[in-house]
Amino acid sequence: MRFAPTSIDGVLVLELEARGDERGSFMRTFCAKEFAAAGMDFAVVQANVSVNVERHTLRGMHLQRAPYGEAKIVSCLRGRIFDVAVDLRPESPTYLKWEGVELGADIPRAFYLAEGIAHGFLTLEPDSLVNYLMGAEYVADAATGVRWDDPVVGIEWPAPPQVISDRDRAFPLIQA
């Protein structure tokens, strides 16, 4: 596993090493020893899967308020998504910057997001299955988010969303 930095501190693309033979392939998506060797303190506390039936389904931009911040590793097990991280840490030099990466079942990589980073994605194919390894458990009262189309952030989505929840649509705009 390689840890590729992005333009946002605390957001990494995990380049996974697929090993294949006549049966198919195998790849490690998390290894505590490799994370520790890279100077990253991450322990899986919860694992989640989202099933997204329609193409251009948008989920995001989600995070949990301190002290319940959650780091996460996101991968796409079926289909394809455009995965986005937004830095919402006011003390960060990359505050309000975003980074996007395409993840897919046929792309051997995952996305690591530190605490304080909002996360969301847009499905690029129908029936996309997204896996989350969480560094903290979900706390409903700490769950929050920002608008996926906030002009202060200016995320360049590859297509307009066709399916979006009322909750995600109602997140506030950032007051910068």
N, C-alpha and C. Protein backbone atom coordinates (compact mmCIF):
# COMPACT_ATOMS: atom_id res chain seq x y z
N MET A 1 0.86 -1.17 0.00
CA MET A 1 0.00 0.00 0.00
C MET A 1 0.90 1.24 0.00
N ARG A 2 0.57 2.17 -0.89
CA ARG A 2 1.29 3.45 -0.93
C ARG A 2 0.35 4.54 -0.46
N PHE A 3 0.89 5.50 0.27
CA PHE A 3 0.13 6.63 0.78
C PHE A 3 0.49 7.85 -0.06
N ALA A 4 -0.38 8.25 -0.98
CA ALA A 4 -0.11 9.37 -1.88
C ALA A 4 -0.77 10.63 -1.34
N PRO A 5 0.03 11.66 -1.04
CA PRO A 5 -0.56 12.89 -0.51
C PRO A 5 -1.39 13.62 -1.56
N THR A 6 -2.30 14.44 -1.09
CA THR A 6 -3.11 15.30 -1.96
C THR A 6 -2.79 16.74 -1.60
N SER A 7 -3.54 17.66 -2.14
CA SER A 7 -3.32 19.08 -1.84
C SER A 7 -3.82 19.46 -0.45
N ILE A 8 -4.51 18.54 0.23
CA ILE A 8 -5.04 18.80 1.57
C ILE A 8 -4.32 17.91 2.58
N ASP A 9 -3.73 18.53 3.60
CA ASP A 9 -3.08 17.77 4.66
C ASP A 9 -4.13 16.90 5.35
N GLY A 10 -3.83 15.63 5.52
CA GLY A 10 -4.77 14.72 6.17
C GLY A 10 -5.71 14.03 5.21
N VAL A 11 -5.56 14.27 3.92
CA VAL A 11 -6.33 13.57 2.88
C VAL A 11 -5.33 12.87 1.98
N LEU A 12 -5.45 11.56 1.89
CA LEU A 12 -4.50 10.75 1.12
C LEU A 12 -5.24 9.82 0.16
N VAL A 13 -4.62 9.55 -0.96
CA VAL A 13 -5.09 8.49 -1.84
C VAL A 13 -4.26 7.27 -1.48
N LEU A 14 -4.94 6.19 -1.14
CA LEU A 14 -4.26 4.94 -0.81
C LEU A 14 -4.17 4.11 -2.08
N GLU A 15 -2.96 3.97 -2.59
CA GLU A 15 -2.74 3.15 -3.79
C GLU A 15 -2.59 1.70 -3.32
N LEU A 16 -3.56 0.88 -3.68
CA LEU A 16 -3.59 -0.50 -3.22
C LEU A 16 -2.86 -1.40 -4.22
N GLU A 17 -2.24 -2.43 -3.70
CA GLU A 17 -1.47 -3.34 -4.54
C GLU A 17 -2.29 -4.60 -4.77
N ALA A 18 -2.82 -4.75 -5.97
CA ALA A 18 -3.61 -5.93 -6.32
C ALA A 18 -2.68 -7.05 -6.76
N ARG A 19 -2.90 -8.20 -6.21
CA ARG A 19 -2.15 -9.40 -6.60
C ARG A 19 -3.15 -10.34 -7.27
N GLY A 20 -2.84 -10.72 -8.50
CA GLY A 20 -3.79 -11.53 -9.26
C GLY A 20 -3.23 -12.88 -9.67
N ASP A 21 -4.14 -13.80 -9.88
CA ASP A 21 -3.82 -15.11 -10.45
C ASP A 21 -5.07 -15.60 -11.18
N GLU A 22 -5.13 -16.88 -11.50
CA GLU A 22 -6.25 -17.42 -12.28
C GLU A 22 -7.59 -17.30 -11.56
N ARG A 23 -7.58 -17.10 -10.25
CA ARG A 23 -8.83 -16.97 -9.49
C ARG A 23 -9.40 -15.57 -9.52
N GLY A 24 -8.54 -14.59 -9.79
CA GLY A 24 -8.95 -13.19 -9.73
C GLY A 24 -7.85 -12.39 -9.07
N SER A 25 -8.22 -11.54 -8.10
CA SER A 25 -7.20 -10.73 -7.43
C SER A 25 -7.51 -10.58 -5.95
N PHE A 26 -6.52 -10.10 -5.23
CA PHE A 26 -6.61 -9.88 -3.80
C PHE A 26 -5.84 -8.61 -3.49
N MET A 27 -6.41 -7.75 -2.63
CA MET A 27 -5.66 -6.58 -2.20
C MET A 27 -6.04 -6.20 -0.78
N ARG A 28 -5.04 -5.71 -0.06
CA ARG A 28 -5.23 -5.25 1.31
C ARG A 28 -5.75 -3.82 1.26
N THR A 29 -6.83 -3.55 2.00
CA THR A 29 -7.40 -2.21 2.03
C THR A 29 -7.08 -1.46 3.33
N PHE A 30 -6.58 -2.18 4.33
CA PHE A 30 -6.16 -1.56 5.57
C PHE A 30 -5.17 -2.47 6.27
N CYS A 31 -4.12 -1.87 6.83
CA CYS A 31 -3.15 -2.61 7.63
C CYS A 31 -2.66 -1.66 8.72
N ALA A 32 -2.97 -1.96 9.97
CA ALA A 32 -2.58 -1.09 11.09
C ALA A 32 -1.07 -0.87 11.12
N LYS A 33 -0.30 -1.89 10.82
CA LYS A 33 1.16 -1.78 10.85
C LYS A 33 1.65 -0.80 9.77
N GLU A 34 1.09 -0.89 8.55
CA GLU A 34 1.49 0.01 7.47
C GLU A 34 1.07 1.46 7.78
N PHE A 35 -0.12 1.63 8.35
CA PHE A 35 -0.56 2.97 8.73
C PHE A 35 0.37 3.55 9.79
N ALA A 36 0.71 2.76 10.81
CA ALA A 36 1.60 3.23 11.87
C ALA A 36 2.98 3.58 11.30
N ALA A 37 3.48 2.77 10.38
CA ALA A 37 4.79 3.05 9.77
C ALA A 37 4.76 4.35 8.97
N ALA A 38 3.58 4.72 8.46
CA ALA A 38 3.42 5.98 7.71
C ALA A 38 3.10 7.15 8.65
N GLY A 39 3.12 6.89 9.97
CA GLY A 39 2.87 7.95 10.94
C GLY A 39 1.40 8.29 11.11
N MET A 40 0.53 7.35 10.77
CA MET A 40 -0.91 7.60 10.86
C MET A 40 -1.52 6.75 11.96
N ASP A 41 -2.26 7.40 12.85
CA ASP A 41 -2.93 6.72 13.95
C ASP A 41 -4.39 6.52 13.54
N PHE A 42 -4.71 5.33 13.06
CA PHE A 42 -6.07 5.04 12.62
C PHE A 42 -6.43 3.63 13.05
N ALA A 43 -7.55 3.50 13.72
CA ALA A 43 -8.07 2.19 14.11
C ALA A 43 -9.51 2.11 13.63
N VAL A 44 -9.87 0.99 13.04
CA VAL A 44 -11.23 0.80 12.56
C VAL A 44 -12.14 0.53 13.75
N VAL A 45 -13.15 1.40 13.91
CA VAL A 45 -14.10 1.29 15.00
C VAL A 45 -15.46 0.83 14.48
N GLN A 46 -15.74 1.15 13.24
CA GLN A 46 -17.05 0.84 12.64
C GLN A 46 -16.83 0.69 11.14
N ALA A 47 -17.60 -0.19 10.51
CA ALA A 47 -17.56 -0.34 9.05
C ALA A 47 -18.97 -0.18 8.51
N ASN A 48 -19.09 0.57 7.41
CA ASN A 48 -20.40 0.86 6.83
C ASN A 48 -20.35 0.65 5.32
N VAL A 49 -21.51 0.39 4.74
CA VAL A 49 -21.65 0.24 3.29
C VAL A 49 -22.86 1.05 2.86
N SER A 50 -22.71 1.82 1.77
CA SER A 50 -23.89 2.48 1.20
C SER A 50 -24.15 1.88 -0.18
N VAL A 51 -25.41 1.57 -0.42
CA VAL A 51 -25.86 1.02 -1.69
C VAL A 51 -26.56 2.16 -2.43
N ASN A 52 -26.13 2.41 -3.65
CA ASN A 52 -26.64 3.54 -4.43
C ASN A 52 -27.15 3.02 -5.76
N VAL A 53 -28.46 2.99 -5.90
CA VAL A 53 -29.10 2.35 -7.05
C VAL A 53 -28.92 3.16 -8.33
N GLU A 54 -29.12 4.46 -8.24
CA GLU A 54 -29.15 5.30 -9.44
C GLU A 54 -27.80 5.94 -9.75
N ARG A 55 -27.53 6.10 -11.01
CA ARG A 55 -26.37 6.88 -11.47
C ARG A 55 -26.63 8.35 -11.10
N HIS A 56 -25.60 9.05 -10.72
CA HIS A 56 -25.63 10.46 -10.33
C HIS A 56 -26.38 10.70 -9.03
N THR A 57 -26.30 9.72 -8.13
CA THR A 57 -26.77 9.90 -6.76
C THR A 57 -25.68 10.63 -6.00
N LEU A 58 -26.07 11.66 -5.25
CA LEU A 58 -25.10 12.42 -4.46
C LEU A 58 -25.36 12.18 -2.98
N ARG A 59 -24.29 11.89 -2.26
CA ARG A 59 -24.33 11.81 -0.79
C ARG A 59 -23.26 12.76 -0.27
N GLY A 60 -23.67 13.69 0.58
CA GLY A 60 -22.66 14.59 1.14
C GLY A 60 -23.16 16.01 1.21
N MET A 61 -22.38 16.81 1.80
CA MET A 61 -21.02 16.67 2.34
C MET A 61 -21.12 16.50 3.86
N HIS A 62 -20.72 15.35 4.38
CA HIS A 62 -20.96 14.97 5.77
C HIS A 62 -19.69 14.98 6.61
N LEU A 63 -19.88 15.24 7.90
CA LEU A 63 -18.84 15.08 8.92
C LEU A 63 -19.50 15.11 10.29
N GLN A 64 -18.70 14.82 11.32
CA GLN A 64 -19.17 14.92 12.70
C GLN A 64 -18.39 16.00 13.41
N ARG A 65 -19.12 16.80 14.21
CA ARG A 65 -18.50 17.87 15.00
C ARG A 65 -17.63 17.26 16.12
N ALA A 66 -16.58 18.02 16.48
CA ALA A 66 -15.73 17.64 17.61
C ALA A 66 -16.60 17.64 18.87
N PRO A 67 -16.33 16.79 19.79
CA PRO A 67 -15.19 15.89 19.89
C PRO A 67 -15.43 14.53 19.25
N TYR A 68 -16.40 14.42 18.36
CA TYR A 68 -16.76 13.15 17.75
C TYR A 68 -16.26 13.01 16.32
N GLY A 69 -15.22 13.78 15.98
CA GLY A 69 -14.68 13.74 14.62
C GLY A 69 -14.33 12.33 14.21
N GLU A 70 -14.48 12.08 12.93
CA GLU A 70 -14.25 10.72 12.44
C GLU A 70 -13.35 10.74 11.21
N ALA A 71 -12.23 10.06 11.34
CA ALA A 71 -11.41 9.79 10.17
C ALA A 71 -12.05 8.60 9.46
N LYS A 72 -11.79 8.47 8.16
CA LYS A 72 -12.39 7.36 7.43
C LYS A 72 -11.56 6.98 6.22
N ILE A 73 -11.73 5.74 5.81
CA ILE A 73 -11.17 5.23 4.56
C ILE A 73 -12.36 4.82 3.71
N VAL A 74 -12.43 5.37 2.50
CA VAL A 74 -13.56 5.12 1.60
C VAL A 74 -13.06 4.38 0.37
N SER A 75 -13.79 3.35 -0.02
CA SER A 75 -13.49 2.63 -1.25
C SER A 75 -14.79 2.27 -1.95
N CYS A 76 -14.70 2.02 -3.23
CA CYS A 76 -15.88 1.66 -4.02
C CYS A 76 -15.73 0.20 -4.45
N LEU A 77 -16.64 -0.63 -3.97
CA LEU A 77 -16.57 -2.07 -4.21
C LEU A 77 -17.29 -2.51 -5.48
N ARG A 78 -18.24 -1.70 -5.93
CA ARG A 78 -18.97 -2.00 -7.16
C ARG A 78 -19.35 -0.69 -7.80
N GLY A 79 -19.23 -0.60 -9.10
CA GLY A 79 -19.57 0.63 -9.79
C GLY A 79 -18.42 1.61 -9.79
N ARG A 80 -18.76 2.90 -9.75
CA ARG A 80 -17.74 3.96 -9.82
C ARG A 80 -18.33 5.22 -9.20
N ILE A 81 -17.47 5.96 -8.47
CA ILE A 81 -17.90 7.21 -7.83
C ILE A 81 -16.84 8.29 -8.01
N PHE A 82 -17.27 9.54 -7.90
CA PHE A 82 -16.37 10.68 -7.76
C PHE A 82 -16.44 11.06 -6.30
N ASP A 83 -15.35 10.82 -5.57
CA ASP A 83 -15.31 10.99 -4.12
C ASP A 83 -14.63 12.31 -3.80
N VAL A 84 -15.20 13.06 -2.84
CA VAL A 84 -14.74 14.43 -2.57
C VAL A 84 -14.49 14.63 -1.08
N ALA A 85 -13.39 15.34 -0.79
CA ALA A 85 -13.04 15.76 0.57
C ALA A 85 -12.98 17.28 0.59
N VAL A 86 -13.55 17.89 1.64
CA VAL A 86 -13.48 19.34 1.83
C VAL A 86 -12.91 19.60 3.22
N ASP A 87 -11.86 20.41 3.28
CA ASP A 87 -11.22 20.74 4.55
C ASP A 87 -12.07 21.78 5.29
N LEU A 88 -12.65 21.38 6.42
CA LEU A 88 -13.46 22.30 7.24
C LEU A 88 -12.79 22.60 8.58
N ARG A 89 -11.48 22.46 8.63
CA ARG A 89 -10.72 22.76 9.85
C ARG A 89 -10.25 24.21 9.74
N PRO A 90 -10.87 25.15 10.49
CA PRO A 90 -10.52 26.57 10.36
C PRO A 90 -9.05 26.88 10.55
N GLU A 91 -8.34 26.10 11.35
CA GLU A 91 -6.92 26.35 11.60
C GLU A 91 -6.01 25.80 10.51
N SER A 92 -6.57 25.09 9.57
CA SER A 92 -5.77 24.44 8.51
C SER A 92 -5.39 25.42 7.40
N PRO A 93 -4.18 25.30 6.87
CA PRO A 93 -3.79 26.16 5.74
C PRO A 93 -4.57 25.86 4.46
N THR A 94 -5.25 24.71 4.43
CA THR A 94 -6.06 24.37 3.25
C THR A 94 -7.57 24.45 3.56
N TYR A 95 -7.92 25.25 4.58
CA TYR A 95 -9.33 25.43 4.94
C TYR A 95 -10.16 25.82 3.72
N LEU A 96 -11.27 25.11 3.54
CA LEU A 96 -12.25 25.30 2.46
C LEU A 96 -11.76 24.83 1.08
N LYS A 97 -10.62 24.17 1.02
CA LYS A 97 -10.16 23.58 -0.24
C LYS A 97 -10.79 22.20 -0.38
N TRP A 98 -10.94 21.77 -1.63
CA TRP A 98 -11.51 20.44 -1.87
C TRP A 98 -10.56 19.62 -2.74
N GLU A 99 -10.74 18.32 -2.64
CA GLU A 99 -9.96 17.36 -3.43
C GLU A 99 -10.92 16.26 -3.86
N GLY A 100 -10.85 15.86 -5.11
CA GLY A 100 -11.71 14.80 -5.61
C GLY A 100 -10.90 13.72 -6.29
N VAL A 101 -11.39 12.49 -6.19
CA VAL A 101 -10.72 11.35 -6.81
C VAL A 101 -11.80 10.36 -7.27
N GLU A 102 -11.54 9.73 -8.39
CA GLU A 102 -12.47 8.71 -8.87
C GLU A 102 -12.08 7.38 -8.23
N LEU A 103 -13.09 6.72 -7.68
CA LEU A 103 -12.91 5.39 -7.10
C LEU A 103 -13.82 4.43 -7.84
N GLY A 104 -13.38 3.21 -8.01
CA GLY A 104 -14.21 2.22 -8.67
C GLY A 104 -13.74 0.82 -8.35
N ALA A 105 -14.62 -0.13 -8.64
CA ALA A 105 -14.30 -1.53 -8.38
C ALA A 105 -13.05 -1.97 -9.13
N ASP A 106 -12.80 -1.36 -10.26
CA ASP A 106 -11.64 -1.74 -11.08
C ASP A 106 -10.45 -0.80 -10.89
N ILE A 107 -10.52 0.09 -9.90
CA ILE A 107 -9.44 1.04 -9.63
C ILE A 107 -8.86 0.69 -8.26
N PRO A 108 -7.63 0.22 -8.19
CA PRO A 108 -7.07 -0.24 -6.91
C PRO A 108 -6.60 0.92 -6.01
N ARG A 109 -7.56 1.64 -5.48
CA ARG A 109 -7.22 2.72 -4.55
C ARG A 109 -8.40 3.01 -3.64
N ALA A 110 -8.09 3.74 -2.57
CA ALA A 110 -9.09 4.18 -1.59
C ALA A 110 -8.72 5.61 -1.21
N PHE A 111 -9.61 6.26 -0.47
CA PHE A 111 -9.44 7.65 -0.07
C PHE A 111 -9.43 7.70 1.44
N TYR A 112 -8.39 8.29 2.03
CA TYR A 112 -8.32 8.46 3.48
C TYR A 112 -8.61 9.91 3.81
N LEU A 113 -9.52 10.15 4.77
CA LEU A 113 -9.88 11.50 5.19
C LEU A 113 -9.71 11.60 6.71
N ALA A 114 -8.97 12.60 7.15
CA ALA A 114 -8.75 12.84 8.57
C ALA A 114 -10.00 13.47 9.21
N GLU A 115 -10.00 13.57 10.52
CA GLU A 115 -11.08 14.26 11.23
C GLU A 115 -11.15 15.71 10.76
N GLY A 116 -12.36 16.25 10.70
CA GLY A 116 -12.54 17.63 10.29
C GLY A 116 -12.66 17.83 8.79
N ILE A 117 -12.64 16.74 8.06
CA ILE A 117 -12.78 16.78 6.60
C ILE A 117 -14.19 16.31 6.25
N ALA A 118 -14.94 17.15 5.53
CA ALA A 118 -16.27 16.74 5.07
C ALA A 118 -16.11 15.80 3.89
N HIS A 119 -17.03 14.86 3.78
CA HIS A 119 -16.94 13.83 2.74
C HIS A 119 -18.26 13.71 1.99
N GLY A 120 -18.15 13.50 0.70
CA GLY A 120 -19.32 13.22 -0.12
C GLY A 120 -18.89 12.59 -1.43
N PHE A 121 -19.86 12.06 -2.15
CA PHE A 121 -19.54 11.48 -3.45
C PHE A 121 -20.75 11.54 -4.37
N LEU A 122 -20.45 11.42 -5.65
CA LEU A 122 -21.46 11.32 -6.71
C LEU A 122 -21.22 10.01 -7.43
N THR A 123 -22.27 9.19 -7.56
CA THR A 123 -22.10 7.94 -8.29
C THR A 123 -22.00 8.23 -9.79
N LEU A 124 -21.10 7.53 -10.43
CA LEU A 124 -20.91 7.67 -11.87
C LEU A 124 -21.53 6.51 -12.64
N GLU A 125 -21.89 5.47 -11.91
CA GLU A 125 -22.55 4.29 -12.50
C GLU A 125 -23.69 3.87 -11.57
N PRO A 126 -24.72 3.24 -12.14
CA PRO A 126 -25.78 2.71 -11.28
C PRO A 126 -25.24 1.55 -10.43
N ASP A 127 -25.96 1.26 -9.36
CA ASP A 127 -25.63 0.14 -8.46
C ASP A 127 -24.22 0.22 -7.91
N SER A 128 -23.82 1.41 -7.48
CA SER A 128 -22.49 1.59 -6.88
C SER A 128 -22.56 1.27 -5.39
N LEU A 129 -21.58 0.52 -4.94
CA LEU A 129 -21.50 0.07 -3.55
C LEU A 129 -20.25 0.69 -2.93
N VAL A 130 -20.44 1.47 -1.87
CA VAL A 130 -19.34 2.22 -1.26
C VAL A 130 -19.10 1.70 0.15
N ASN A 131 -17.83 1.43 0.45
CA ASN A 131 -17.42 0.89 1.74
C ASN A 131 -16.69 1.98 2.53
N TYR A 132 -17.01 2.08 3.83
CA TYR A 132 -16.38 3.04 4.72
C TYR A 132 -15.79 2.28 5.90
N LEU A 133 -14.51 2.51 6.18
CA LEU A 133 -13.90 2.06 7.42
C LEU A 133 -13.77 3.31 8.28
N MET A 134 -14.43 3.30 9.43
CA MET A 134 -14.55 4.50 10.25
C MET A 134 -13.63 4.44 11.46
N GLY A 135 -13.02 5.59 11.78
CA GLY A 135 -12.16 5.70 12.95
C GLY A 135 -12.91 6.10 14.20
N ALA A 136 -14.22 6.35 14.09
CA ALA A 136 -15.06 6.68 15.24
C ALA A 136 -16.47 6.20 14.93
N GLU A 137 -17.22 5.93 15.96
CA GLU A 137 -18.59 5.49 15.71
C GLU A 137 -19.49 6.68 15.44
N TYR A 138 -20.59 6.41 14.79
CA TYR A 138 -21.55 7.44 14.42
C TYR A 138 -22.26 7.97 15.66
N VAL A 139 -22.33 9.29 15.77
CA VAL A 139 -23.06 9.96 16.86
C VAL A 139 -24.04 10.91 16.18
N ALA A 140 -25.31 10.55 16.20
CA ALA A 140 -26.32 11.31 15.46
C ALA A 140 -26.35 12.79 15.82
N ASP A 141 -26.20 13.11 17.11
CA ASP A 141 -26.26 14.51 17.53
C ASP A 141 -25.06 15.33 17.07
N ALA A 142 -23.99 14.67 16.66
CA ALA A 142 -22.79 15.37 16.19
C ALA A 142 -22.72 15.43 14.66
N ALA A 143 -23.64 14.74 13.99
CA ALA A 143 -23.64 14.70 12.52
C ALA A 143 -24.04 16.06 11.95
N THR A 144 -23.29 16.51 10.98
CA THR A 144 -23.56 17.78 10.33
C THR A 144 -23.05 17.71 8.89
N GLY A 145 -23.09 18.83 8.22
CA GLY A 145 -22.57 18.87 6.86
C GLY A 145 -22.65 20.26 6.28
N VAL A 146 -22.17 20.37 5.07
CA VAL A 146 -22.25 21.60 4.29
C VAL A 146 -22.80 21.26 2.92
N ARG A 147 -23.27 22.27 2.24
CA ARG A 147 -23.89 22.07 0.93
C ARG A 147 -22.89 21.57 -0.10
N TRP A 148 -23.33 20.63 -0.89
CA TRP A 148 -22.53 20.04 -1.96
C TRP A 148 -22.22 21.04 -3.07
N ASP A 149 -23.05 22.08 -3.16
CA ASP A 149 -22.90 23.07 -4.22
C ASP A 149 -22.52 24.44 -3.68
N ASP A 150 -21.89 24.48 -2.49
CA ASP A 150 -21.53 25.75 -1.88
C ASP A 150 -20.53 26.49 -2.76
N PRO A 151 -20.85 27.73 -3.17
CA PRO A 151 -19.95 28.47 -4.05
C PRO A 151 -18.63 28.87 -3.39
N VAL A 152 -18.59 28.91 -2.06
CA VAL A 152 -17.34 29.23 -1.37
C VAL A 152 -16.31 28.12 -1.61
N VAL A 153 -16.78 26.89 -1.66
CA VAL A 153 -15.89 25.74 -1.88
C VAL A 153 -15.69 25.53 -3.39
N GLY A 154 -16.77 25.54 -4.15
CA GLY A 154 -16.69 25.43 -5.61
C GLY A 154 -16.28 24.06 -6.13
N ILE A 155 -16.84 23.01 -5.57
CA ILE A 155 -16.53 21.66 -6.05
C ILE A 155 -16.97 21.54 -7.51
N GLU A 156 -16.10 20.98 -8.32
CA GLU A 156 -16.39 20.75 -9.74
C GLU A 156 -16.84 19.30 -9.92
N TRP A 157 -18.13 19.08 -9.75
CA TRP A 157 -18.69 17.74 -9.90
C TRP A 157 -18.69 17.35 -11.38
N PRO A 158 -18.49 16.09 -11.71
CA PRO A 158 -18.44 15.68 -13.12
C PRO A 158 -19.81 15.67 -13.81
N ALA A 159 -20.89 15.75 -13.03
CA ALA A 159 -22.24 15.78 -13.59
C ALA A 159 -23.17 16.33 -12.52
N PRO A 160 -24.31 16.90 -12.94
CA PRO A 160 -25.27 17.37 -11.93
C PRO A 160 -25.93 16.18 -11.22
N PRO A 161 -26.13 16.29 -9.90
CA PRO A 161 -26.81 15.21 -9.18
C PRO A 161 -28.25 15.03 -9.67
N GLN A 162 -28.69 13.80 -9.73
CA GLN A 162 -30.07 13.47 -10.09
C GLN A 162 -30.86 13.01 -8.88
N VAL A 163 -30.16 12.42 -7.90
CA VAL A 163 -30.80 11.94 -6.68
C VAL A 163 -30.01 12.52 -5.51
N ILE A 164 -30.71 13.24 -4.63
CA ILE A 164 -30.07 13.83 -3.45
C ILE A 164 -31.12 13.91 -2.35
N SER A 165 -30.72 13.60 -1.12
CA SER A 165 -31.68 13.60 -0.02
C SER A 165 -32.07 15.02 0.36
N ASP A 166 -33.25 15.15 0.97
CA ASP A 166 -33.68 16.46 1.47
C ASP A 166 -32.70 16.98 2.52
N ARG A 167 -32.17 16.09 3.34
CA ARG A 167 -31.21 16.48 4.38
C ARG A 167 -29.95 17.08 3.74
N ASP A 168 -29.41 16.40 2.74
CA ASP A 168 -28.19 16.92 2.09
C ASP A 168 -28.46 18.22 1.34
N ARG A 169 -29.62 18.35 0.77
CA ARG A 169 -29.99 19.56 0.05
C ARG A 169 -30.15 20.75 1.00
N ALA A 170 -30.51 20.46 2.27
CA ALA A 170 -30.80 21.52 3.24
C ALA A 170 -29.60 21.96 4.09
N PHE A 171 -28.44 21.32 3.90
CA PHE A 171 -27.27 21.76 4.67
C PHE A 171 -27.02 23.23 4.40
N PRO A 172 -26.48 23.96 5.38
CA PRO A 172 -26.26 25.40 5.21
C PRO A 172 -25.07 25.70 4.29
N LEU A 173 -25.10 26.88 3.73
CA LEU A 173 -23.96 27.41 3.00
C LEU A 173 -22.92 27.90 4.01
N ILE A 174 -21.67 27.86 3.64
CA ILE A 174 -20.59 28.32 4.51
C ILE A 174 -20.59 29.85 4.52
N GLN A 175 -20.47 30.42 5.69
CA GLN A 175 -20.41 31.87 5.86
C GLN A 175 -18.94 32.27 5.96
N ALA A 176 -18.32 32.54 4.82
CA ALA A 176 -16.87 32.86 4.81
C ALA A 176 -16.64 34.36 4.78
